[in-house]
Each structure stands twice: as C-alpha cells, then as structure tokens.
Amino acid sequence: MVEAEYILARNVIKLANVIMTIRNREIKELGLTAEQADSLIFFSQHAGASAVDLKAYLGVAHQTARGIVERMAAKGLVTTHVSERDGRYKTVALTEEGRTLCTAMAENGTYTGRTLLQGMSEAEKKQFFSLLTKALQNITTQP
C-alpha cells in the first residue's frame, strides 16, 4: 500500500505541475505575473479592499503588496482611492481593463477545469470533487 500511496502523491504533484504550467502560460499571454493575476482575482472578489488586505491574502510583506498594486495601477488595471471611512486607508478598484482580464482568466480556468473533468460521468465528477476536497482538508490540517 505504501507504493500505491507514493504513486498517488506523485500523480497529484504531476497534475498540479501541469495545471500550473498551463496557468502560467495563460497569464503570461495576458501580460500578467502570477502575483498580479492572483491580486486581480482577489480585488474582483473583495470590493473596497486595500493593499493591507491583499498583504494578508497573499501572505507577503506590506511593501510587496503595495508594489503589486502600484504596478497594476501603472498598467491601468486598478485604481486607488482614499477611503471615505478612514483617510489613511486606500481602497483598490478594478478598471474596465482589469475586469476584462479577470473574465479572461475565469474563462481560461473554466476551460482547464472542463478539460480536467472530460470523460467523467456526473457521478464521477461529484466523487472526484468530494475526494479532492477531503484530501485538501487532510493535507492542510496537518501540524
């Protein structure tokens, strides 16, 4: 059984590597870095968030998060505004171009997901999702 568990772990790593290679290629074609892509998705899902919120989400230093936001603003993907509630707080909002890129990334991700699941029945897809969720919970709750 140990060998089967090892092979399973290797196949999961291979799958992750293939998905990351596809993702990196697609976001590069969109003119983004991985951090910028993750940040655009974050700001699209968290209206009114700031670089401080991005810092916590990405697990990076404040200066790093600020730099990501500044580079995205320079590309015309986001704008920053002083918060009406707290003048020390700058909120980040996607521009039309930023929203367009988020839509393109979602379409690319949907295509990758559809490709991953092709040939599976609806029952197999549900089982795969359930088992994958359980495996992620198992691995992320390890000490």
N, C-alpha and C. Protein backbone atom coordinates (compact mmCIF):
# COMPACT_ATOMS: atom_id res chain seq x y z
N MET A 1 0.82 -1.20 0.00
CA MET A 1 0.00 0.00 0.00
C MET A 1 0.86 1.26 0.00
N VAL A 2 2.05 1.18 0.59
CA VAL A 2 2.94 2.34 0.65
C VAL A 2 3.29 2.79 -0.76
N GLU A 3 3.57 1.84 -1.66
CA GLU A 3 3.92 2.20 -3.03
C GLU A 3 2.75 2.87 -3.73
N ALA A 4 1.54 2.38 -3.52
CA ALA A 4 0.35 2.98 -4.13
C ALA A 4 0.16 4.42 -3.62
N GLU A 5 0.40 4.64 -2.33
CA GLU A 5 0.28 5.99 -1.77
C GLU A 5 1.34 6.92 -2.37
N TYR A 6 2.54 6.39 -2.57
CA TYR A 6 3.61 7.18 -3.17
C TYR A 6 3.25 7.55 -4.61
N ILE A 7 2.77 6.58 -5.37
CA ILE A 7 2.39 6.83 -6.77
C ILE A 7 1.25 7.85 -6.83
N LEU A 8 0.29 7.72 -5.92
CA LEU A 8 -0.82 8.68 -5.87
C LEU A 8 -0.28 10.09 -5.61
N ALA A 9 0.60 10.22 -4.63
CA ALA A 9 1.17 11.53 -4.31
C ALA A 9 1.93 12.09 -5.51
N ARG A 10 2.70 11.26 -6.19
CA ARG A 10 3.44 11.71 -7.37
C ARG A 10 2.49 12.17 -8.47
N ASN A 11 1.38 11.44 -8.67
CA ASN A 11 0.42 11.83 -9.70
C ASN A 11 -0.28 13.14 -9.36
N VAL A 12 -0.55 13.37 -8.09
CA VAL A 12 -1.15 14.64 -7.68
C VAL A 12 -0.17 15.78 -7.96
N ILE A 13 1.10 15.56 -7.66
CA ILE A 13 2.12 16.58 -7.92
C ILE A 13 2.24 16.83 -9.43
N LYS A 14 2.22 15.77 -10.23
CA LYS A 14 2.28 15.93 -11.68
C LYS A 14 1.09 16.74 -12.19
N LEU A 15 -0.10 16.42 -11.68
CA LEU A 15 -1.31 17.14 -12.07
C LEU A 15 -1.20 18.61 -11.71
N ALA A 16 -0.74 18.89 -10.49
CA ALA A 16 -0.57 20.28 -10.05
C ALA A 16 0.43 21.01 -10.94
N ASN A 17 1.52 20.34 -11.27
CA ASN A 17 2.55 20.96 -12.12
C ASN A 17 2.01 21.28 -13.51
N VAL A 18 1.24 20.36 -14.09
CA VAL A 18 0.66 20.60 -15.41
C VAL A 18 -0.31 21.77 -15.36
N ILE A 19 -1.17 21.79 -14.35
CA ILE A 19 -2.14 22.88 -14.21
C ILE A 19 -1.41 24.22 -14.03
N MET A 20 -0.36 24.24 -13.22
CA MET A 20 0.39 25.48 -13.00
C MET A 20 1.11 25.93 -14.28
N THR A 21 1.62 24.99 -15.05
CA THR A 21 2.27 25.34 -16.31
C THR A 21 1.27 25.98 -17.26
N ILE A 22 0.08 25.38 -17.36
CA ILE A 22 -0.98 25.95 -18.21
C ILE A 22 -1.36 27.34 -17.71
N ARG A 23 -1.56 27.47 -16.40
CA ARG A 23 -1.96 28.75 -15.82
C ARG A 23 -0.90 29.82 -16.08
N ASN A 24 0.35 29.48 -15.83
CA ASN A 24 1.42 30.45 -16.03
C ASN A 24 1.52 30.90 -17.48
N ARG A 25 1.34 29.97 -18.41
CA ARG A 25 1.38 30.31 -19.83
C ARG A 25 0.23 31.25 -20.18
N GLU A 26 -0.97 30.93 -19.66
CA GLU A 26 -2.14 31.74 -19.98
C GLU A 26 -2.04 33.15 -19.39
N ILE A 27 -1.57 33.27 -18.15
CA ILE A 27 -1.49 34.62 -17.58
C ILE A 27 -0.35 35.42 -18.21
N LYS A 28 0.70 34.73 -18.64
CA LYS A 28 1.78 35.43 -19.35
C LYS A 28 1.26 35.99 -20.67
N GLU A 29 0.40 35.21 -21.35
CA GLU A 29 -0.20 35.67 -22.60
C GLU A 29 -1.08 36.89 -22.37
N LEU A 30 -1.62 37.03 -21.16
CA LEU A 30 -2.44 38.19 -20.81
C LEU A 30 -1.59 39.37 -20.34
N GLY A 31 -0.27 39.18 -20.26
CA GLY A 31 0.63 40.25 -19.85
C GLY A 31 0.70 40.44 -18.34
N LEU A 32 0.41 39.38 -17.58
CA LEU A 32 0.40 39.46 -16.13
C LEU A 32 1.45 38.56 -15.51
N THR A 33 1.83 38.88 -14.27
CA THR A 33 2.60 37.95 -13.45
C THR A 33 1.60 37.13 -12.64
N ALA A 34 2.07 36.05 -12.04
CA ALA A 34 1.19 35.23 -11.20
C ALA A 34 0.62 36.05 -10.05
N GLU A 35 1.46 36.90 -9.43
CA GLU A 35 1.01 37.72 -8.32
C GLU A 35 -0.05 38.72 -8.77
N GLN A 36 0.13 39.31 -9.94
CA GLN A 36 -0.86 40.25 -10.45
C GLN A 36 -2.18 39.54 -10.76
N ALA A 37 -2.10 38.34 -11.32
CA ALA A 37 -3.31 37.58 -11.61
C ALA A 37 -4.06 37.26 -10.33
N ASP A 38 -3.34 36.77 -9.31
CA ASP A 38 -3.97 36.46 -8.03
C ASP A 38 -4.56 37.71 -7.39
N SER A 39 -3.86 38.83 -7.54
CA SER A 39 -4.33 40.09 -6.96
C SER A 39 -5.58 40.59 -7.66
N LEU A 40 -5.62 40.49 -8.98
CA LEU A 40 -6.82 40.90 -9.72
C LEU A 40 -8.03 40.09 -9.28
N ILE A 41 -7.84 38.79 -9.16
CA ILE A 41 -8.93 37.93 -8.71
C ILE A 41 -9.36 38.33 -7.31
N PHE A 42 -8.39 38.58 -6.42
CA PHE A 42 -8.71 38.99 -5.05
C PHE A 42 -9.54 40.27 -5.05
N PHE A 43 -9.09 41.29 -5.77
CA PHE A 43 -9.82 42.57 -5.76
C PHE A 43 -11.17 42.46 -6.45
N SER A 44 -11.30 41.54 -7.40
CA SER A 44 -12.61 41.35 -8.04
C SER A 44 -13.61 40.72 -7.08
N GLN A 45 -13.11 39.96 -6.12
CA GLN A 45 -13.97 39.28 -5.15
C GLN A 45 -14.12 40.03 -3.84
N HIS A 46 -13.33 41.08 -3.62
CA HIS A 46 -13.35 41.83 -2.36
C HIS A 46 -13.40 43.33 -2.64
N ALA A 47 -14.57 43.80 -3.01
CA ALA A 47 -14.75 45.23 -3.30
C ALA A 47 -14.38 46.05 -2.07
N GLY A 48 -13.66 47.14 -2.29
CA GLY A 48 -13.28 48.01 -1.19
C GLY A 48 -12.07 47.56 -0.41
N ALA A 49 -11.40 46.50 -0.87
CA ALA A 49 -10.21 46.00 -0.17
C ALA A 49 -9.02 46.92 -0.47
N SER A 50 -7.96 46.74 0.31
CA SER A 50 -6.77 47.58 0.16
C SER A 50 -5.53 46.70 0.01
N ALA A 51 -4.38 47.36 -0.13
CA ALA A 51 -3.11 46.63 -0.19
C ALA A 51 -2.87 45.88 1.12
N VAL A 52 -3.36 46.41 2.23
CA VAL A 52 -3.22 45.73 3.53
C VAL A 52 -3.98 44.40 3.49
N ASP A 53 -5.18 44.42 2.92
CA ASP A 53 -5.97 43.19 2.79
C ASP A 53 -5.28 42.21 1.85
N LEU A 54 -4.72 42.73 0.76
CA LEU A 54 -4.00 41.88 -0.19
C LEU A 54 -2.79 41.24 0.48
N LYS A 55 -2.10 42.01 1.29
CA LYS A 55 -0.94 41.51 2.04
C LYS A 55 -1.32 40.26 2.83
N ALA A 56 -2.42 40.35 3.57
CA ALA A 56 -2.87 39.21 4.38
C ALA A 56 -3.27 38.03 3.49
N TYR A 57 -3.93 38.31 2.39
CA TYR A 57 -4.40 37.26 1.49
C TYR A 57 -3.23 36.51 0.85
N LEU A 58 -2.25 37.26 0.36
CA LEU A 58 -1.11 36.64 -0.32
C LEU A 58 -0.03 36.15 0.64
N GLY A 59 -0.06 36.66 1.87
CA GLY A 59 0.97 36.29 2.84
C GLY A 59 2.31 36.91 2.51
N VAL A 60 2.28 38.16 2.06
CA VAL A 60 3.51 38.87 1.69
C VAL A 60 3.68 40.10 2.57
N ALA A 61 4.83 40.74 2.45
CA ALA A 61 5.09 41.97 3.20
C ALA A 61 4.22 43.11 2.65
N HIS A 62 3.99 44.11 3.49
CA HIS A 62 3.17 45.26 3.08
C HIS A 62 3.77 45.94 1.85
N GLN A 63 5.07 46.13 1.83
CA GLN A 63 5.73 46.79 0.70
C GLN A 63 5.53 45.99 -0.59
N THR A 64 5.56 44.67 -0.48
CA THR A 64 5.35 43.82 -1.65
C THR A 64 3.94 44.02 -2.19
N ALA A 65 2.95 43.99 -1.30
CA ALA A 65 1.55 44.18 -1.71
C ALA A 65 1.37 45.56 -2.34
N ARG A 66 1.95 46.57 -1.72
CA ARG A 66 1.86 47.92 -2.27
C ARG A 66 2.49 47.99 -3.66
N GLY A 67 3.63 47.34 -3.83
CA GLY A 67 4.29 47.33 -5.13
C GLY A 67 3.45 46.66 -6.20
N ILE A 68 2.79 45.56 -5.84
CA ILE A 68 1.91 44.87 -6.79
C ILE A 68 0.79 45.80 -7.22
N VAL A 69 0.17 46.47 -6.24
CA VAL A 69 -0.93 47.40 -6.55
C VAL A 69 -0.43 48.55 -7.42
N GLU A 70 0.72 49.11 -7.09
CA GLU A 70 1.27 50.22 -7.88
C GLU A 70 1.57 49.80 -9.32
N ARG A 71 2.13 48.60 -9.50
CA ARG A 71 2.42 48.13 -10.86
C ARG A 71 1.13 47.87 -11.65
N MET A 72 0.11 47.35 -10.96
CA MET A 72 -1.16 47.12 -11.65
C MET A 72 -1.83 48.45 -11.99
N ALA A 73 -1.69 49.45 -11.13
CA ALA A 73 -2.24 50.78 -11.42
C ALA A 73 -1.51 51.39 -12.62
N ALA A 74 -0.20 51.21 -12.69
CA ALA A 74 0.58 51.73 -13.82
C ALA A 74 0.16 51.07 -15.14
N LYS A 75 -0.30 49.82 -15.07
CA LYS A 75 -0.78 49.12 -16.26
C LYS A 75 -2.23 49.47 -16.59
N GLY A 76 -2.87 50.24 -15.71
CA GLY A 76 -4.26 50.61 -15.94
C GLY A 76 -5.26 49.54 -15.55
N LEU A 77 -4.86 48.62 -14.68
CA LEU A 77 -5.74 47.51 -14.28
C LEU A 77 -6.55 47.82 -13.03
N VAL A 78 -6.03 48.71 -12.18
CA VAL A 78 -6.72 49.09 -10.94
C VAL A 78 -6.55 50.59 -10.72
N THR A 79 -7.42 51.12 -9.88
CA THR A 79 -7.27 52.49 -9.39
C THR A 79 -7.33 52.43 -7.88
N THR A 80 -6.73 53.42 -7.24
CA THR A 80 -6.80 53.50 -5.78
C THR A 80 -7.50 54.80 -5.39
N HIS A 81 -8.23 54.73 -4.28
CA HIS A 81 -8.98 55.88 -3.79
C HIS A 81 -8.86 55.93 -2.28
N VAL A 82 -8.76 57.13 -1.73
CA VAL A 82 -8.74 57.28 -0.28
C VAL A 82 -10.12 56.90 0.24
N SER A 83 -10.14 56.07 1.27
CA SER A 83 -11.39 55.60 1.85
C SER A 83 -12.17 56.77 2.46
N GLU A 84 -13.48 56.74 2.29
CA GLU A 84 -14.34 57.76 2.90
C GLU A 84 -14.43 57.54 4.41
N ARG A 85 -14.26 56.32 4.86
CA ARG A 85 -14.35 56.00 6.30
C ARG A 85 -13.07 56.31 7.05
N ASP A 86 -11.93 56.11 6.37
CA ASP A 86 -10.64 56.29 7.04
C ASP A 86 -9.64 56.83 6.03
N GLY A 87 -9.24 58.07 6.21
CA GLY A 87 -8.35 58.73 5.27
C GLY A 87 -6.98 58.09 5.14
N ARG A 88 -6.61 57.22 6.07
CA ARG A 88 -5.32 56.53 6.00
C ARG A 88 -5.39 55.28 5.12
N TYR A 89 -6.58 54.90 4.73
CA TYR A 89 -6.85 53.64 4.05
C TYR A 89 -7.14 53.92 2.58
N LYS A 90 -6.43 53.25 1.65
CA LYS A 90 -6.69 53.39 0.22
C LYS A 90 -7.35 52.12 -0.30
N THR A 91 -8.53 52.28 -0.85
CA THR A 91 -9.20 51.13 -1.44
C THR A 91 -8.73 50.95 -2.88
N VAL A 92 -8.84 49.72 -3.35
CA VAL A 92 -8.41 49.38 -4.71
C VAL A 92 -9.63 48.90 -5.48
N ALA A 93 -9.79 49.41 -6.69
CA ALA A 93 -10.90 49.00 -7.55
C ALA A 93 -10.37 48.62 -8.92
N LEU A 94 -10.98 47.63 -9.52
CA LEU A 94 -10.59 47.22 -10.87
C LEU A 94 -11.08 48.24 -11.89
N THR A 95 -10.28 48.47 -12.90
CA THR A 95 -10.72 49.26 -14.04
C THR A 95 -11.46 48.33 -15.00
N GLU A 96 -11.98 48.89 -16.06
CA GLU A 96 -12.64 48.06 -17.08
C GLU A 96 -11.65 47.03 -17.63
N GLU A 97 -10.42 47.46 -17.87
CA GLU A 97 -9.40 46.53 -18.38
C GLU A 97 -9.11 45.42 -17.37
N GLY A 98 -9.05 45.77 -16.09
CA GLY A 98 -8.84 44.78 -15.04
C GLY A 98 -9.97 43.76 -15.01
N ARG A 99 -11.21 44.25 -15.14
CA ARG A 99 -12.37 43.33 -15.16
C ARG A 99 -12.33 42.42 -16.39
N THR A 100 -11.91 42.98 -17.52
CA THR A 100 -11.80 42.18 -18.75
C THR A 100 -10.79 41.05 -18.57
N LEU A 101 -9.65 41.36 -17.94
CA LEU A 101 -8.64 40.32 -17.70
C LEU A 101 -9.15 39.27 -16.73
N CYS A 102 -9.91 39.69 -15.71
CA CYS A 102 -10.49 38.71 -14.77
C CYS A 102 -11.43 37.76 -15.50
N THR A 103 -12.22 38.31 -16.41
CA THR A 103 -13.13 37.48 -17.19
C THR A 103 -12.34 36.48 -18.04
N ALA A 104 -11.27 36.95 -18.67
CA ALA A 104 -10.44 36.07 -19.50
C ALA A 104 -9.81 34.97 -18.65
N MET A 105 -9.33 35.32 -17.45
CA MET A 105 -8.74 34.30 -16.57
C MET A 105 -9.78 33.28 -16.14
N ALA A 106 -11.00 33.74 -15.85
CA ALA A 106 -12.07 32.81 -15.45
C ALA A 106 -12.40 31.86 -16.60
N GLU A 107 -12.44 32.39 -17.82
CA GLU A 107 -12.71 31.54 -18.98
C GLU A 107 -11.60 30.51 -19.17
N ASN A 108 -10.35 30.94 -19.01
CA ASN A 108 -9.22 30.01 -19.12
C ASN A 108 -9.31 28.92 -18.05
N GLY A 109 -9.63 29.32 -16.82
CA GLY A 109 -9.76 28.36 -15.71
C GLY A 109 -10.90 27.39 -15.93
N THR A 110 -12.00 27.90 -16.48
CA THR A 110 -13.15 27.04 -16.78
C THR A 110 -12.76 26.01 -17.84
N TYR A 111 -12.03 26.45 -18.86
CA TYR A 111 -11.58 25.53 -19.90
C TYR A 111 -10.66 24.45 -19.31
N THR A 112 -9.73 24.86 -18.45
CA THR A 112 -8.82 23.90 -17.82
C THR A 112 -9.61 22.91 -16.97
N GLY A 113 -10.57 23.41 -16.20
CA GLY A 113 -11.40 22.53 -15.37
C GLY A 113 -12.22 21.56 -16.21
N ARG A 114 -12.78 22.07 -17.30
CA ARG A 114 -13.57 21.21 -18.19
C ARG A 114 -12.68 20.13 -18.81
N THR A 115 -11.47 20.51 -19.20
CA THR A 115 -10.53 19.55 -19.77
C THR A 115 -10.16 18.49 -18.74
N LEU A 116 -9.92 18.92 -17.51
CA LEU A 116 -9.57 18.00 -16.43
C LEU A 116 -10.68 16.96 -16.19
N LEU A 117 -11.93 17.40 -16.31
CA LEU A 117 -13.06 16.52 -15.98
C LEU A 117 -13.63 15.77 -17.18
N GLN A 118 -13.10 16.02 -18.37
CA GLN A 118 -13.68 15.37 -19.55
C GLN A 118 -13.59 13.85 -19.42
N GLY A 119 -14.61 13.18 -19.89
CA GLY A 119 -14.65 11.72 -19.83
C GLY A 119 -15.19 11.18 -18.52
N MET A 120 -15.45 12.06 -17.55
CA MET A 120 -16.02 11.62 -16.27
C MET A 120 -17.53 11.80 -16.30
N SER A 121 -18.23 10.83 -15.72
CA SER A 121 -19.68 10.97 -15.58
C SER A 121 -19.97 12.01 -14.51
N GLU A 122 -21.21 12.45 -14.42
CA GLU A 122 -21.60 13.42 -13.38
C GLU A 122 -21.32 12.84 -11.99
N ALA A 123 -21.60 11.56 -11.81
CA ALA A 123 -21.33 10.92 -10.51
C ALA A 123 -19.83 10.91 -10.21
N GLU A 124 -19.03 10.62 -11.24
CA GLU A 124 -17.57 10.61 -11.04
C GLU A 124 -17.05 12.02 -10.73
N LYS A 125 -17.61 13.03 -11.40
CA LYS A 125 -17.21 14.41 -11.12
C LYS A 125 -17.51 14.78 -9.67
N LYS A 126 -18.69 14.41 -9.20
CA LYS A 126 -19.07 14.70 -7.81
C LYS A 126 -18.15 13.96 -6.85
N GLN A 127 -17.86 12.71 -7.15
CA GLN A 127 -16.97 11.92 -6.29
C GLN A 127 -15.56 12.51 -6.31
N PHE A 128 -15.07 12.89 -7.48
CA PHE A 128 -13.74 13.49 -7.60
C PHE A 128 -13.66 14.77 -6.77
N PHE A 129 -14.67 15.61 -6.90
CA PHE A 129 -14.71 16.86 -6.14
C PHE A 129 -14.73 16.58 -4.65
N SER A 130 -15.54 15.63 -4.23
CA SER A 130 -15.65 15.28 -2.81
C SER A 130 -14.32 14.75 -2.28
N LEU A 131 -13.70 13.85 -3.02
CA LEU A 131 -12.43 13.27 -2.58
C LEU A 131 -11.31 14.30 -2.60
N LEU A 132 -11.31 15.15 -3.61
CA LEU A 132 -10.29 16.21 -3.68
C LEU A 132 -10.44 17.18 -2.51
N THR A 133 -11.67 17.54 -2.19
CA THR A 133 -11.93 18.42 -1.05
C THR A 133 -11.46 17.78 0.24
N LYS A 134 -11.76 16.51 0.41
CA LYS A 134 -11.33 15.80 1.62
C LYS A 134 -9.81 15.72 1.70
N ALA A 135 -9.16 15.44 0.57
CA ALA A 135 -7.70 15.35 0.55
C ALA A 135 -7.07 16.70 0.90
N LEU A 136 -7.63 17.78 0.36
CA LEU A 136 -7.12 19.12 0.68
C LEU A 136 -7.29 19.43 2.16
N GLN A 137 -8.43 19.06 2.72
CA GLN A 137 -8.65 19.27 4.16
C GLN A 137 -7.64 18.46 4.97
N ASN A 138 -7.41 17.23 4.57
CA ASN A 138 -6.45 16.38 5.28
C ASN A 138 -5.05 16.99 5.27
N ILE A 139 -4.63 17.45 4.12
CA ILE A 139 -3.26 17.94 3.98
C ILE A 139 -3.07 19.32 4.61
N THR A 140 -4.11 20.14 4.61
CA THR A 140 -3.97 21.49 5.16
C THR A 140 -4.17 21.54 6.66
N THR A 141 -4.67 20.48 7.26
CA THR A 141 -4.85 20.48 8.72
C THR A 141 -3.72 19.74 9.43
N GLN A 142 -2.70 19.33 8.68
CA GLN A 142 -1.55 18.67 9.29
C GLN A 142 -0.75 19.68 10.10
N PRO A 143 -0.21 19.24 11.25
CA PRO A 143 0.57 20.16 12.09
C PRO A 143 1.88 20.58 11.43
